[in-house]
Amino acid sequence: MAPVAVLAAGAAGAAYLWGTDPHEPGHLLPRCPLRAVTGLLCPACGGTRMAYDLMHGQFAAAWLDNRALLLAAPFALALWGRWTLEGLRGRSWAPRIGPRVQALILATAVTWTIARNIV
């Protein structure tokens, strides 16, 4: 049931985002807390703009919004797909991410954050 709830919430968010251009000011969209406090871009900053651009077929603009998140999105979708498939089969599933992979993900996020704030 949880995968369906996640899908419903994602669909509702996507429906709102479809008609709400995050490139324009004045919309009811969440702001990044890190950027609001420090002015720095977090690893996910630009994700809302990226999703909007992808939904409207603007792949080059999505790449410019957040390259790392765009490259990670297919992996997240694959994990959600597996979670959903197992849920439909009546099984519980949670991915197992080892300590080395966790460290690699964290190092990548930190490196991306530093790189995008230097430029």
PDB file of N, CA and C in Angstrom:
ATOM      1  N   MET A   1       0.813  -1.198   0.000  1.00  0.00           N
ATOM      2  CA  MET A   1       0.000   0.000   0.000  1.00  0.00           C
ATOM      3  C   MET A   1       0.858   1.265   0.000  1.00  0.00           C
ATOM      4  N   ALA A   2       1.993   1.218   0.691  1.00  0.00           N
ATOM      5  CA  ALA A   2       2.850   2.399   0.767  1.00  0.00           C
ATOM      6  C   ALA A   2       3.353   2.850  -0.603  1.00  0.00           C
ATOM      7  N   PRO A   3       3.764   1.925  -1.505  1.00  0.00           N
ATOM      8  CA  PRO A   3       4.195   2.391  -2.834  1.00  0.00           C
ATOM      9  C   PRO A   3       3.089   3.131  -3.581  1.00  0.00           C
ATOM     10  N   VAL A   4       1.844   2.697  -3.402  1.00  0.00           N
ATOM     11  CA  VAL A   4       0.720   3.364  -4.070  1.00  0.00           C
ATOM     12  C   VAL A   4       0.520   4.758  -3.473  1.00  0.00           C
ATOM     13  N   ALA A   5       0.686   4.882  -2.159  1.00  0.00           N
ATOM     14  CA  ALA A   5       0.568   6.191  -1.513  1.00  0.00           C
ATOM     15  C   ALA A   5       1.663   7.134  -2.012  1.00  0.00           C
ATOM     16  N   VAL A   6       2.868   6.617  -2.175  1.00  0.00           N
ATOM     17  CA  VAL A   6       3.965   7.435  -2.698  1.00  0.00           C
ATOM     18  C   VAL A   6       3.665   7.853  -4.128  1.00  0.00           C
ATOM     19  N   LEU A   7       3.131   6.930  -4.927  1.00  0.00           N
ATOM     20  CA  LEU A   7       2.758   7.260  -6.302  1.00  0.00           C
ATOM     21  C   LEU A   7       1.675   8.330  -6.337  1.00  0.00           C
ATOM     22  N   ALA A   8       0.665   8.205  -5.487  1.00  0.00           N
ATOM     23  CA  ALA A   8      -0.420   9.191  -5.439  1.00  0.00           C
ATOM     24  C   ALA A   8       0.109  10.565  -5.038  1.00  0.00           C
ATOM     25  N   ALA A   9       0.962  10.608  -4.030  1.00  0.00           N
ATOM     26  CA  ALA A   9       1.533  11.891  -3.600  1.00  0.00           C
ATOM     27  C   ALA A   9       2.400  12.492  -4.702  1.00  0.00           C
ATOM     28  N   GLY A  10       3.190  11.656  -5.363  1.00  0.00           N
ATOM     29  CA  GLY A  10       4.022  12.135  -6.464  1.00  0.00           C
ATOM     30  C   GLY A  10       3.191  12.646  -7.627  1.00  0.00           C
ATOM     31  N   ALA A  11       2.097  11.942  -7.932  1.00  0.00           N
ATOM     32  CA  ALA A  11       1.217  12.374  -9.024  1.00  0.00           C
ATOM     33  C   ALA A  11       0.541  13.701  -8.688  1.00  0.00           C
ATOM     34  N   ALA A  12       0.132  13.859  -7.433  1.00  0.00           N
ATOM     35  CA  ALA A  12      -0.485  15.128  -7.024  1.00  0.00           C
ATOM     36  C   ALA A  12       0.519  16.268  -7.127  1.00  0.00           C
ATOM     37  N   GLY A  13       1.741  16.027  -6.669  1.00  0.00           N
ATOM     38  CA  GLY A  13       2.782  17.045  -6.771  1.00  0.00           C
ATOM     39  C   GLY A  13       3.109  17.379  -8.218  1.00  0.00           C
ATOM     40  N   ALA A  14       3.182  16.346  -9.062  1.00  0.00           N
ATOM     41  CA  ALA A  14       3.475  16.558 -10.477  1.00  0.00           C
ATOM     42  C   ALA A  14       2.353  17.329 -11.157  1.00  0.00           C
ATOM     43  N   ALA A  15       1.108  17.036 -10.790  1.00  0.00           N
ATOM     44  CA  ALA A  15      -0.032  17.753 -11.380  1.00  0.00           C
ATOM     45  C   ALA A  15       0.034  19.243 -11.037  1.00  0.00           C
ATOM     46  N   TYR A  16       0.387  19.554  -9.787  1.00  0.00           N
ATOM     47  CA  TYR A  16       0.516  20.961  -9.400  1.00  0.00           C
ATOM     48  C   TYR A  16       1.697  21.601 -10.126  1.00  0.00           C
ATOM     49  N   LEU A  17       2.822  20.870 -10.172  1.00  0.00           N
ATOM     50  CA  LEU A  17       4.030  21.417 -10.782  1.00  0.00           C
ATOM     51  C   LEU A  17       3.853  21.624 -12.282  1.00  0.00           C
ATOM     52  N   TRP A  18       3.031  20.794 -12.931  1.00  0.00           N
ATOM     53  CA  TRP A  18       2.832  20.900 -14.383  1.00  0.00           C
ATOM     54  C   TRP A  18       2.425  22.317 -14.780  1.00  0.00           C
ATOM     55  N   GLY A  19       1.544  22.914 -14.014  1.00  0.00           N
ATOM     56  CA  GLY A  19       1.063  24.250 -14.350  1.00  0.00           C
ATOM     57  C   GLY A  19       1.708  25.373 -13.565  1.00  0.00           C
ATOM     58  N   THR A  20       2.758  25.061 -12.824  1.00  0.00           N
ATOM     59  CA  THR A  20       3.414  26.044 -11.968  1.00  0.00           C
ATOM     60  C   THR A  20       4.886  26.126 -12.343  1.00  0.00           C
ATOM     61  N   ASP A  21       5.268  27.131 -13.092  1.00  0.00           N
ATOM     62  CA  ASP A  21       6.654  27.252 -13.547  1.00  0.00           C
ATOM     63  C   ASP A  21       7.542  27.736 -12.398  1.00  0.00           C
ATOM     64  N   PRO A  22       8.415  26.850 -11.869  1.00  0.00           N
ATOM     65  CA  PRO A  22       9.273  27.252 -10.757  1.00  0.00           C
ATOM     66  C   PRO A  22      10.362  28.247 -11.154  1.00  0.00           C
ATOM     67  N   HIS A  23      10.513  28.485 -12.456  1.00  0.00           N
ATOM     68  CA  HIS A  23      11.473  29.486 -12.915  1.00  0.00           C
ATOM     69  C   HIS A  23      10.929  30.898 -12.701  1.00  0.00           C
ATOM     70  N   GLU A  24       9.619  31.003 -12.468  1.00  0.00           N
ATOM     71  CA  GLU A  24       8.964  32.290 -12.242  1.00  0.00           C
ATOM     72  C   GLU A  24       8.672  32.457 -10.751  1.00  0.00           C
ATOM     73  N   PRO A  25       8.845  33.651 -10.209  1.00  0.00           N
ATOM     74  CA  PRO A  25       8.576  33.862  -8.781  1.00  0.00           C
ATOM     75  C   PRO A  25       7.078  33.926  -8.478  1.00  0.00           C
ATOM     76  N   GLY A  26       6.757  33.789  -7.198  1.00  0.00           N
ATOM     77  CA  GLY A  26       5.390  33.991  -6.744  1.00  0.00           C
ATOM     78  C   GLY A  26       4.528  32.752  -6.648  1.00  0.00           C
ATOM     79  N   HIS A  27       5.115  31.573  -6.728  1.00  0.00           N
ATOM     80  CA  HIS A  27       4.337  30.346  -6.638  1.00  0.00           C
ATOM     81  C   HIS A  27       4.488  29.712  -5.258  1.00  0.00           C
ATOM     82  N   LEU A  28       3.531  28.889  -4.909  1.00  0.00           N
ATOM     83  CA  LEU A  28       3.565  28.177  -3.639  1.00  0.00           C
ATOM     84  C   LEU A  28       4.386  26.900  -3.818  1.00  0.00           C
ATOM     85  N   LEU A  29       5.703  27.043  -3.772  1.00  0.00           N
ATOM     86  CA  LEU A  29       6.625  25.915  -3.887  1.00  0.00           C
ATOM     87  C   LEU A  29       7.615  25.985  -2.729  1.00  0.00           C
ATOM     88  N   PRO A  30       8.049  24.832  -2.230  1.00  0.00           N
ATOM     89  CA  PRO A  30       8.988  24.849  -1.094  1.00  0.00           C
ATOM     90  C   PRO A  30      10.341  25.442  -1.479  1.00  0.00           C
ATOM     91  N   ARG A  31      10.939  26.121  -0.531  1.00  0.00           N
ATOM     92  CA  ARG A  31      12.291  26.661  -0.724  1.00  0.00           C
ATOM     93  C   ARG A  31      13.274  25.780   0.014  1.00  0.00           C
ATOM     94  N   CYS A  32      14.472  25.727  -0.471  1.00  0.00           N
ATOM     95  CA  CYS A  32      15.526  24.950   0.174  1.00  0.00           C
ATOM     96  C   CYS A  32      15.925  25.647   1.480  1.00  0.00           C
ATOM     97  N   PRO A  33      15.843  24.944   2.614  1.00  0.00           N
ATOM     98  CA  PRO A  33      16.212  25.571   3.885  1.00  0.00           C
ATOM     99  C   PRO A  33      17.685  25.985   3.936  1.00  0.00           C
ATOM    100  N   LEU A  34      18.578  25.160   3.382  1.00  0.00           N
ATOM    101  CA  LEU A  34      20.002  25.503   3.396  1.00  0.00           C
ATOM    102  C   LEU A  34      20.256  26.775   2.595  1.00  0.00           C
ATOM    103  N   ARG A  35      19.639  26.865   1.433  1.00  0.00           N
ATOM    104  CA  ARG A  35      19.837  28.057   0.610  1.00  0.00           C
ATOM    105  C   ARG A  35      19.215  29.292   1.251  1.00  0.00           C
ATOM    106  N   ALA A  36      18.070  29.126   1.907  1.00  0.00           N
ATOM    107  CA  ALA A  36      17.412  30.254   2.569  1.00  0.00           C
ATOM    108  C   ALA A  36      18.276  30.808   3.701  1.00  0.00           C
ATOM    109  N   VAL A  37      18.967  29.923   4.409  1.00  0.00           N
ATOM    110  CA  VAL A  37      19.770  30.353   5.559  1.00  0.00           C
ATOM    111  C   VAL A  37      21.165  30.803   5.151  1.00  0.00           C
ATOM    112  N   THR A  38      21.819  30.042   4.232  1.00  0.00           N
ATOM    113  CA  THR A  38      23.218  30.310   3.918  1.00  0.00           C
ATOM    114  C   THR A  38      23.461  30.936   2.550  1.00  0.00           C
ATOM    115  N   GLY A  39      22.493  30.793   1.655  1.00  0.00           N
ATOM    116  CA  GLY A  39      22.692  31.254   0.284  1.00  0.00           C
ATOM    117  C   GLY A  39      23.421  30.240  -0.575  1.00  0.00           C
ATOM    118  N   LEU A  40      23.788  29.093   0.006  1.00  0.00           N
ATOM    119  CA  LEU A  40      24.500  28.045  -0.730  1.00  0.00           C
ATOM    120  C   LEU A  40      23.513  27.052  -1.333  1.00  0.00           C
ATOM    121  N   LEU A  41      23.898  26.462  -2.464  1.00  0.00           N
ATOM    122  CA  LEU A  41      23.090  25.437  -3.101  1.00  0.00           C
ATOM    123  C   LEU A  41      23.365  24.087  -2.454  1.00  0.00           C
ATOM    124  N   CYS A  42      22.319  23.359  -2.089  1.00  0.00           N
ATOM    125  CA  CYS A  42      22.482  22.007  -1.546  1.00  0.00           C
ATOM    126  C   CYS A  42      22.557  21.027  -2.719  1.00  0.00           C
ATOM    127  N   PRO A  43      22.823  19.742  -2.475  1.00  0.00           N
ATOM    128  CA  PRO A  43      22.910  18.788  -3.587  1.00  0.00           C
ATOM    129  C   PRO A  43      21.612  18.664  -4.386  1.00  0.00           C
ATOM    130  N   ALA A  44      20.468  18.946  -3.780  1.00  0.00           N
ATOM    131  CA  ALA A  44      19.189  18.793  -4.469  1.00  0.00           C
ATOM    132  C   ALA A  44      18.623  20.103  -5.001  1.00  0.00           C
ATOM    133  N   CYS A  45      19.270  21.238  -4.730  1.00  0.00           N
ATOM    134  CA  CYS A  45      18.765  22.513  -5.231  1.00  0.00           C
ATOM    135  C   CYS A  45      18.628  22.448  -6.752  1.00  0.00           C
ATOM    136  N   GLY A  46      17.514  22.929  -7.236  1.00  0.00           N
ATOM    137  CA  GLY A  46      17.224  22.874  -8.658  1.00  0.00           C
ATOM    138  C   GLY A  46      16.393  21.669  -9.034  1.00  0.00           C
ATOM    139  N   GLY A  47      16.101  20.799  -8.062  1.00  0.00           N
ATOM    140  CA  GLY A  47      15.339  19.591  -8.343  1.00  0.00           C
ATOM    141  C   GLY A  47      13.926  19.863  -8.812  1.00  0.00           C
ATOM    142  N   THR A  48      13.280  20.868  -8.245  1.00  0.00           N
ATOM    143  CA  THR A  48      11.918  21.210  -8.657  1.00  0.00           C
ATOM    144  C   THR A  48      11.927  21.764 -10.078  1.00  0.00           C
ATOM    145  N   ARG A  49      12.870  22.642 -10.364  1.00  0.00           N
ATOM    146  CA  ARG A  49      12.988  23.171 -11.724  1.00  0.00           C
ATOM    147  C   ARG A  49      13.327  22.053 -12.712  1.00  0.00           C
ATOM    148  N   MET A  50      14.196  21.117 -12.279  1.00  0.00           N
ATOM    149  CA  MET A  50      14.570  19.995 -13.128  1.00  0.00           C
ATOM    150  C   MET A  50      13.348  19.139 -13.467  1.00  0.00           C
ATOM    151  N   ALA A  51      12.529  18.832 -12.449  1.00  0.00           N
ATOM    152  CA  ALA A  51      11.333  18.016 -12.675  1.00  0.00           C
ATOM    153  C   ALA A  51      10.376  18.724 -13.628  1.00  0.00           C
ATOM    154  N   TYR A  52      10.186  20.020 -13.442  1.00  0.00           N
ATOM    155  CA  TYR A  52       9.318  20.797 -14.323  1.00  0.00           C
ATOM    156  C   TYR A  52       9.840  20.746 -15.759  1.00  0.00           C
ATOM    157  N   ASP A  53      11.132  20.970 -15.922  1.00  0.00           N
ATOM    158  CA  ASP A  53      11.709  20.960 -17.262  1.00  0.00           C
ATOM    159  C   ASP A  53      11.599  19.582 -17.910  1.00  0.00           C
ATOM    160  N   LEU A  54      11.809  18.515 -17.141  1.00  0.00           N
ATOM    161  CA  LEU A  54      11.657  17.166 -17.693  1.00  0.00           C
ATOM    162  C   LEU A  54      10.225  16.906 -18.142  1.00  0.00           C
ATOM    163  N   MET A  55       9.256  17.319 -17.334  1.00  0.00           N
ATOM    164  CA  MET A  55       7.854  17.107 -17.693  1.00  0.00           C
ATOM    165  C   MET A  55       7.466  17.866 -18.956  1.00  0.00           C
ATOM    166  N   HIS A  56       8.181  18.932 -19.258  1.00  0.00           N
ATOM    167  CA  HIS A  56       7.878  19.732 -20.436  1.00  0.00           C
ATOM    168  C   HIS A  56       8.863  19.476 -21.582  1.00  0.00           C
ATOM    169  N   GLY A  57       9.632  18.383 -21.481  1.00  0.00           N
ATOM    170  CA  GLY A  57      10.525  17.983 -22.562  1.00  0.00           C
ATOM    171  C   GLY A  57      11.752  18.845 -22.751  1.00  0.00           C
ATOM    172  N   GLN A  58      12.106  19.614 -21.753  1.00  0.00           N
ATOM    173  CA  GLN A  58      13.269  20.503 -21.832  1.00  0.00           C
ATOM    174  C   GLN A  58      14.479  19.821 -21.175  1.00  0.00           C
ATOM    175  N   PHE A  59      15.061  18.850 -21.864  1.00  0.00           N
ATOM    176  CA  PHE A  59      16.124  18.043 -21.274  1.00  0.00           C
ATOM    177  C   PHE A  59      17.409  18.836 -21.029  1.00  0.00           C
ATOM    178  N   ALA A  60      17.756  19.730 -21.931  1.00  0.00           N
ATOM    179  CA  ALA A  60      18.959  20.548 -21.740  1.00  0.00           C
ATOM    180  C   ALA A  60      18.805  21.462 -20.530  1.00  0.00           C
ATOM    181  N   ALA A  61      17.617  22.034 -20.353  1.00  0.00           N
ATOM    182  CA  ALA A  61      17.370  22.898 -19.195  1.00  0.00           C
ATOM    183  C   ALA A  61      17.409  22.074 -17.905  1.00  0.00           C
ATOM    184  N   ALA A  62      16.871  20.857 -17.939  1.00  0.00           N
ATOM    185  CA  ALA A  62      16.906  19.986 -16.762  1.00  0.00           C
ATOM    186  C   ALA A  62      18.348  19.665 -16.386  1.00  0.00           C
ATOM    187  N   TRP A  63      19.192  19.449 -17.382  1.00  0.00           N
ATOM    188  CA  TRP A  63      20.613  19.166 -17.139  1.00  0.00           C
ATOM    189  C   TRP A  63      21.271  20.355 -16.438  1.00  0.00           C
ATOM    190  N   LEU A  64      20.936  21.543 -16.859  1.00  0.00           N
ATOM    191  CA  LEU A  64      21.519  22.736 -16.251  1.00  0.00           C
ATOM    192  C   LEU A  64      20.981  22.985 -14.837  1.00  0.00           C
ATOM    193  N   ASP A  65      19.748  22.562 -14.565  1.00  0.00           N
ATOM    194  CA  ASP A  65      19.157  22.767 -13.235  1.00  0.00           C
ATOM    195  C   ASP A  65      19.887  21.958 -12.170  1.00  0.00           C
ATOM    196  N   ASN A  66      20.140  20.669 -12.428  1.00  0.00           N
ATOM    197  CA  ASN A  66      20.839  19.829 -11.449  1.00  0.00           C
ATOM    198  C   ASN A  66      21.285  18.544 -12.124  1.00  0.00           C
ATOM    199  N   ARG A  67      22.544  18.524 -12.545  1.00  0.00           N
ATOM    200  CA  ARG A  67      23.095  17.374 -13.264  1.00  0.00           C
ATOM    201  C   ARG A  67      23.119  16.111 -12.417  1.00  0.00           C
ATOM    202  N   ALA A  68      23.576  16.235 -11.190  1.00  0.00           N
ATOM    203  CA  ALA A  68      23.717  15.058 -10.326  1.00  0.00           C
ATOM    204  C   ALA A  68      22.362  14.418 -10.040  1.00  0.00           C
ATOM    205  N   LEU A  69      21.382  15.230  -9.741  1.00  0.00           N
ATOM    206  CA  LEU A  69      20.043  14.704  -9.457  1.00  0.00           C
ATOM    207  C   LEU A  69      19.435  14.069 -10.707  1.00  0.00           C
ATOM    208  N   LEU A  70      19.675  14.656 -11.861  1.00  0.00           N
ATOM    209  CA  LEU A  70      19.172  14.098 -13.112  1.00  0.00           C
ATOM    210  C   LEU A  70      19.790  12.725 -13.367  1.00  0.00           C
ATOM    211  N   LEU A  71      21.072  12.574 -13.090  1.00  0.00           N
ATOM    212  CA  LEU A  71      21.737  11.280 -13.281  1.00  0.00           C
ATOM    213  C   LEU A  71      21.290  10.246 -12.246  1.00  0.00           C
ATOM    214  N   ALA A  72      20.919  10.701 -11.056  1.00  0.00           N
ATOM    215  CA  ALA A  72      20.485   9.784  -9.996  1.00  0.00           C
ATOM    216  C   ALA A  72      19.021   9.371 -10.129  1.00  0.00           C
ATOM    217  N   ALA A  73      18.231  10.143 -10.848  1.00  0.00           N
ATOM    218  CA  ALA A  73      16.789   9.890 -10.948  1.00  0.00           C
ATOM    219  C   ALA A  73      16.437   8.491 -11.467  1.00  0.00           C
ATOM    220  N   PRO A  74      17.108   7.976 -12.502  1.00  0.00           N
ATOM    221  CA  PRO A  74      16.749   6.625 -12.958  1.00  0.00           C
ATOM    222  C   PRO A  74      16.972   5.556 -11.886  1.00  0.00           C
ATOM    223  N   PHE A  75      17.990   5.713 -11.060  1.00  0.00           N
ATOM    224  CA  PHE A  75      18.237   4.755  -9.978  1.00  0.00           C
ATOM    225  C   PHE A  75      17.115   4.827  -8.938  1.00  0.00           C
ATOM    226  N   ALA A  76      16.689   6.043  -8.618  1.00  0.00           N
ATOM    227  CA  ALA A  76      15.585   6.211  -7.664  1.00  0.00           C
ATOM    228  C   ALA A  76      14.301   5.602  -8.223  1.00  0.00           C
ATOM    229  N   LEU A  77      14.047   5.803  -9.500  1.00  0.00           N
ATOM    230  CA  LEU A  77      12.860   5.216 -10.117  1.00  0.00           C
ATOM    231  C   LEU A  77      12.928   3.692 -10.128  1.00  0.00           C
ATOM    232  N   ALA A  78      14.104   3.145 -10.368  1.00  0.00           N
ATOM    233  CA  ALA A  78      14.273   1.689 -10.348  1.00  0.00           C
ATOM    234  C   ALA A  78      14.019   1.135  -8.947  1.00  0.00           C
ATOM    235  N   LEU A  79      14.516   1.823  -7.928  1.00  0.00           N
ATOM    236  CA  LEU A  79      14.274   1.380  -6.551  1.00  0.00           C
ATOM    237  C   LEU A  79      12.791   1.452  -6.218  1.00  0.00           C
ATOM    238  N   TRP A  80      12.121   2.540  -6.626  1.00  0.00           N
ATOM    239  CA  TRP A  80      10.686   2.651  -6.378  1.00  0.00           C
ATOM    240  C   TRP A  80       9.928   1.555  -7.125  1.00  0.00           C
ATOM    241  N   GLY A  81      10.341   1.259  -8.364  1.00  0.00           N
ATOM    242  CA  GLY A  81       9.697   0.209  -9.142  1.00  0.00           C
ATOM    243  C   GLY A  81       9.821  -1.154  -8.485  1.00  0.00           C
ATOM    244  N   ARG A  82      11.003  -1.452  -7.977  1.00  0.00           N
ATOM    245  CA  ARG A  82      11.197  -2.739  -7.289  1.00  0.00           C
ATOM    246  C   ARG A  82      10.365  -2.807  -6.018  1.00  0.00           C
ATOM    247  N   TRP A  83      10.343  -1.707  -5.264  1.00  0.00           N
ATOM    248  CA  TRP A  83       9.549  -1.627  -4.034  1.00  0.00           C
ATOM    249  C   TRP A  83       8.076  -1.864  -4.343  1.00  0.00           C
ATOM    250  N   THR A  84       7.593  -1.244  -5.424  1.00  0.00           N
ATOM    251  CA  THR A  84       6.199  -1.403  -5.833  1.00  0.00           C
ATOM    252  C   THR A  84       5.912  -2.836  -6.258  1.00  0.00           C
ATOM    253  N   LEU A  85       6.785  -3.400  -7.072  1.00  0.00           N
ATOM    254  CA  LEU A  85       6.602  -4.775  -7.546  1.00  0.00           C
ATOM    255  C   LEU A  85       6.536  -5.759  -6.377  1.00  0.00           C
ATOM    256  N   GLU A  86       7.452  -5.622  -5.438  1.00  0.00           N
ATOM    257  CA  GLU A  86       7.454  -6.513  -4.273  1.00  0.00           C
ATOM    258  C   GLU A  86       6.201  -6.297  -3.427  1.00  0.00           C
ATOM    259  N   GLY A  87       5.760  -5.053  -3.306  1.00  0.00           N
ATOM    260  CA  GLY A  87       4.546  -4.759  -2.552  1.00  0.00           C
ATOM    261  C   GLY A  87       3.321  -5.398  -3.184  1.00  0.00           C
ATOM    262  N   LEU A  88       3.248  -5.373  -4.520  1.00  0.00           N
ATOM    263  CA  LEU A  88       2.130  -6.003  -5.225  1.00  0.00           C
ATOM    264  C   LEU A  88       2.144  -7.522  -5.055  1.00  0.00           C
ATOM    265  N   ARG A  89       3.329  -8.073  -4.843  1.00  0.00           N
ATOM    266  CA  ARG A  89       3.456  -9.513  -4.605  1.00  0.00           C
ATOM    267  C   ARG A  89       3.210  -9.883  -3.145  1.00  0.00           C
ATOM    268  N   GLY A  90       2.947  -8.853  -2.329  1.00  0.00           N
ATOM    269  CA  GLY A  90       2.687  -9.102  -0.912  1.00  0.00           C
ATOM    270  C   GLY A  90       3.928  -9.259  -0.059  1.00  0.00           C
ATOM    271  N   ARG A  91       5.056  -8.826  -0.584  1.00  0.00           N
ATOM    272  CA  ARG A  91       6.313  -8.934   0.150  1.00  0.00           C
ATOM    273  C   ARG A  91       6.811  -7.553   0.564  1.00  0.00           C
ATOM    274  N   SER A  92       7.534  -7.548   1.651  1.00  0.00           N
ATOM    275  CA  SER A  92       8.186  -6.319   2.098  1.00  0.00           C
ATOM    276  C   SER A  92       9.589  -6.288   1.491  1.00  0.00           C
ATOM    277  N   TRP A  93      10.020  -5.110   1.044  1.00  0.00           N
ATOM    278  CA  TRP A  93      11.350  -5.007   0.453  1.00  0.00           C
ATOM    279  C   TRP A  93      11.975  -3.687   0.848  1.00  0.00           C
ATOM    280  N   ALA A  94      13.219  -3.745   1.229  1.00  0.00           N
ATOM    281  CA  ALA A  94      14.006  -2.541   1.518  1.00  0.00           C
ATOM    282  C   ALA A  94      15.397  -2.773   0.943  1.00  0.00           C
ATOM    283  N   PRO A  95      15.906  -1.820   0.162  1.00  0.00           N
ATOM    284  CA  PRO A  95      17.243  -2.014  -0.415  1.00  0.00           C
ATOM    285  C   PRO A  95      18.302  -2.036   0.673  1.00  0.00           C
ATOM    286  N   ARG A  96      19.289  -2.849   0.462  1.00  0.00           N
ATOM    287  CA  ARG A  96      20.406  -2.921   1.397  1.00  0.00           C
ATOM    288  C   ARG A  96      21.587  -2.177   0.776  1.00  0.00           C
ATOM    289  N   ILE A  97      21.984  -1.115   1.434  1.00  0.00           N
ATOM    290  CA  ILE A  97      23.097  -0.299   0.941  1.00  0.00           C
ATOM    291  C   ILE A  97      24.224  -0.424   1.955  1.00  0.00           C
ATOM    292  N   GLY A  98      25.314  -0.997   1.505  1.00  0.00           N
ATOM    293  CA  GLY A  98      26.452  -1.231   2.388  1.00  0.00           C
ATOM    294  C   GLY A  98      27.147   0.059   2.794  1.00  0.00           C
ATOM    295  N   PRO A  99      27.993  -0.034   3.821  1.00  0.00           N
ATOM    296  CA  PRO A  99      28.684   1.160   4.321  1.00  0.00           C
ATOM    297  C   PRO A  99      29.562   1.842   3.270  1.00  0.00           C
ATOM    298  N   ARG A 100      30.197   1.079   2.415  1.00  0.00           N
ATOM    299  CA  ARG A 100      31.054   1.688   1.386  1.00  0.00           C
ATOM    300  C   ARG A 100      30.225   2.475   0.378  1.00  0.00           C
ATOM    301  N   VAL A 101      29.094   1.917  -0.012  1.00  0.00           N
ATOM    302  CA  VAL A 101      28.222   2.627  -0.954  1.00  0.00           C
ATOM    303  C   VAL A 101      27.632   3.868  -0.289  1.00  0.00           C
ATOM    304  N   GLN A 102      27.273   3.769   0.979  1.00  0.00           N
ATOM    305  CA  GLN A 102      26.771   4.938   1.705  1.00  0.00           C
ATOM    306  C   GLN A 102      27.831   6.032   1.741  1.00  0.00           C
ATOM    307  N   ALA A 103      29.072   5.647   2.017  1.00  0.00           N
ATOM    308  CA  ALA A 103      30.169   6.621   2.050  1.00  0.00           C
ATOM    309  C   ALA A 103      30.382   7.235   0.672  1.00  0.00           C
ATOM    310  N   LEU A 104      30.262   6.436  -0.374  1.00  0.00           N
ATOM    311  CA  LEU A 104      30.413   6.944  -1.738  1.00  0.00           C
ATOM    312  C   LEU A 104      29.306   7.938  -2.085  1.00  0.00           C
ATOM    313  N   ILE A 105      28.070   7.628  -1.703  1.00  0.00           N
ATOM    314  CA  ILE A 105      26.951   8.533  -1.951  1.00  0.00           C
ATOM    315  C   ILE A 105      27.163   9.851  -1.208  1.00  0.00           C
ATOM    316  N   LEU A 106      27.564   9.768   0.050  1.00  0.00           N
ATOM    317  CA  LEU A 106      27.814  10.972   0.842  1.00  0.00           C
ATOM    318  C   LEU A 106      28.954  11.796   0.248  1.00  0.00           C
ATOM    319  N   ALA A 107      30.054  11.134  -0.138  1.00  0.00           N
ATOM    320  CA  ALA A 107      31.188  11.845  -0.728  1.00  0.00           C
ATOM    321  C   ALA A 107      30.798  12.517  -2.037  1.00  0.00           C
ATOM    322  N   THR A 108      29.986  11.837  -2.827  1.00  0.00           N
ATOM    323  CA  THR A 108      29.525  12.415  -4.092  1.00  0.00           C
ATOM    324  C   THR A 108      28.665  13.645  -3.835  1.00  0.00           C
ATOM    325  N   ALA A 109      27.755  13.553  -2.859  1.00  0.00           N
ATOM    326  CA  ALA A 109      26.892  14.691  -2.533  1.00  0.00           C
ATOM    327  C   ALA A 109      27.710  15.882  -2.032  1.00  0.00           C
ATOM    328  N   VAL A 110      28.678  15.628  -1.179  1.00  0.00           N
ATOM    329  CA  VAL A 110      29.515  16.711  -0.655  1.00  0.00           C
ATOM    330  C   VAL A 110      30.345  17.329  -1.783  1.00  0.00           C
ATOM    331  N   THR A 111      30.925  16.485  -2.632  1.00  0.00           N
ATOM    332  CA  THR A 111      31.728  16.984  -3.751  1.00  0.00           C
ATOM    333  C   THR A 111      30.873  17.822  -4.702  1.00  0.00           C
ATOM    334  N   TRP A 112      29.669  17.344  -5.008  1.00  0.00           N
ATOM    335  CA  TRP A 112      28.756  18.077  -5.885  1.00  0.00           C
ATOM    336  C   TRP A 112      28.367  19.417  -5.264  1.00  0.00           C
ATOM    337  N   THR A 113      28.111  19.415  -3.967  1.00  0.00           N
ATOM    338  CA  THR A 113      27.745  20.652  -3.276  1.00  0.00           C
ATOM    339  C   THR A 113      28.885  21.671  -3.355  1.00  0.00           C
ATOM    340  N   ILE A 114      30.095  21.230  -3.085  1.00  0.00           N
ATOM    341  CA  ILE A 114      31.248  22.140  -3.137  1.00  0.00           C
ATOM    342  C   ILE A 114      31.461  22.651  -4.556  1.00  0.00           C
ATOM    343  N   ALA A 115      31.426  21.733  -5.524  1.00  0.00           N
ATOM    344  CA  ALA A 115      31.686  22.116  -6.906  1.00  0.00           C
ATOM    345  C   ALA A 115      30.663  23.124  -7.425  1.00  0.00           C
ATOM    346  N   ARG A 116      29.412  22.917  -7.125  1.00  0.00           N
ATOM    347  CA  ARG A 116      28.391  23.815  -7.677  1.00  0.00           C
ATOM    348  C   ARG A 116      28.365  25.157  -6.964  1.00  0.00           C
ATOM    349  N   ASN A 117      28.936  25.247  -5.772  1.00  0.00           N
ATOM    350  CA  ASN A 117      28.988  26.528  -5.068  1.00  0.00           C
ATOM    351  C   ASN A 117      30.271  27.307  -5.368  1.00  0.00           C
ATOM    352  N   ILE A 118      31.263  26.658  -5.917  1.00  0.00           N
ATOM    353  CA  ILE A 118      32.503  27.344  -6.293  1.00  0.00           C
ATOM    354  C   ILE A 118      32.312  28.072  -7.617  1.00  0.00           C
ATOM    355  N   VAL A 119      31.608  27.451  -8.525  1.00  0.00           N
ATOM    356  CA  VAL A 119      31.450  28.011  -9.878  1.00  0.00           C
ATOM    357  C   VAL A 119      30.529  29.167  -9.894  1.00  0.00           C
TER     358      VAL A 119
END
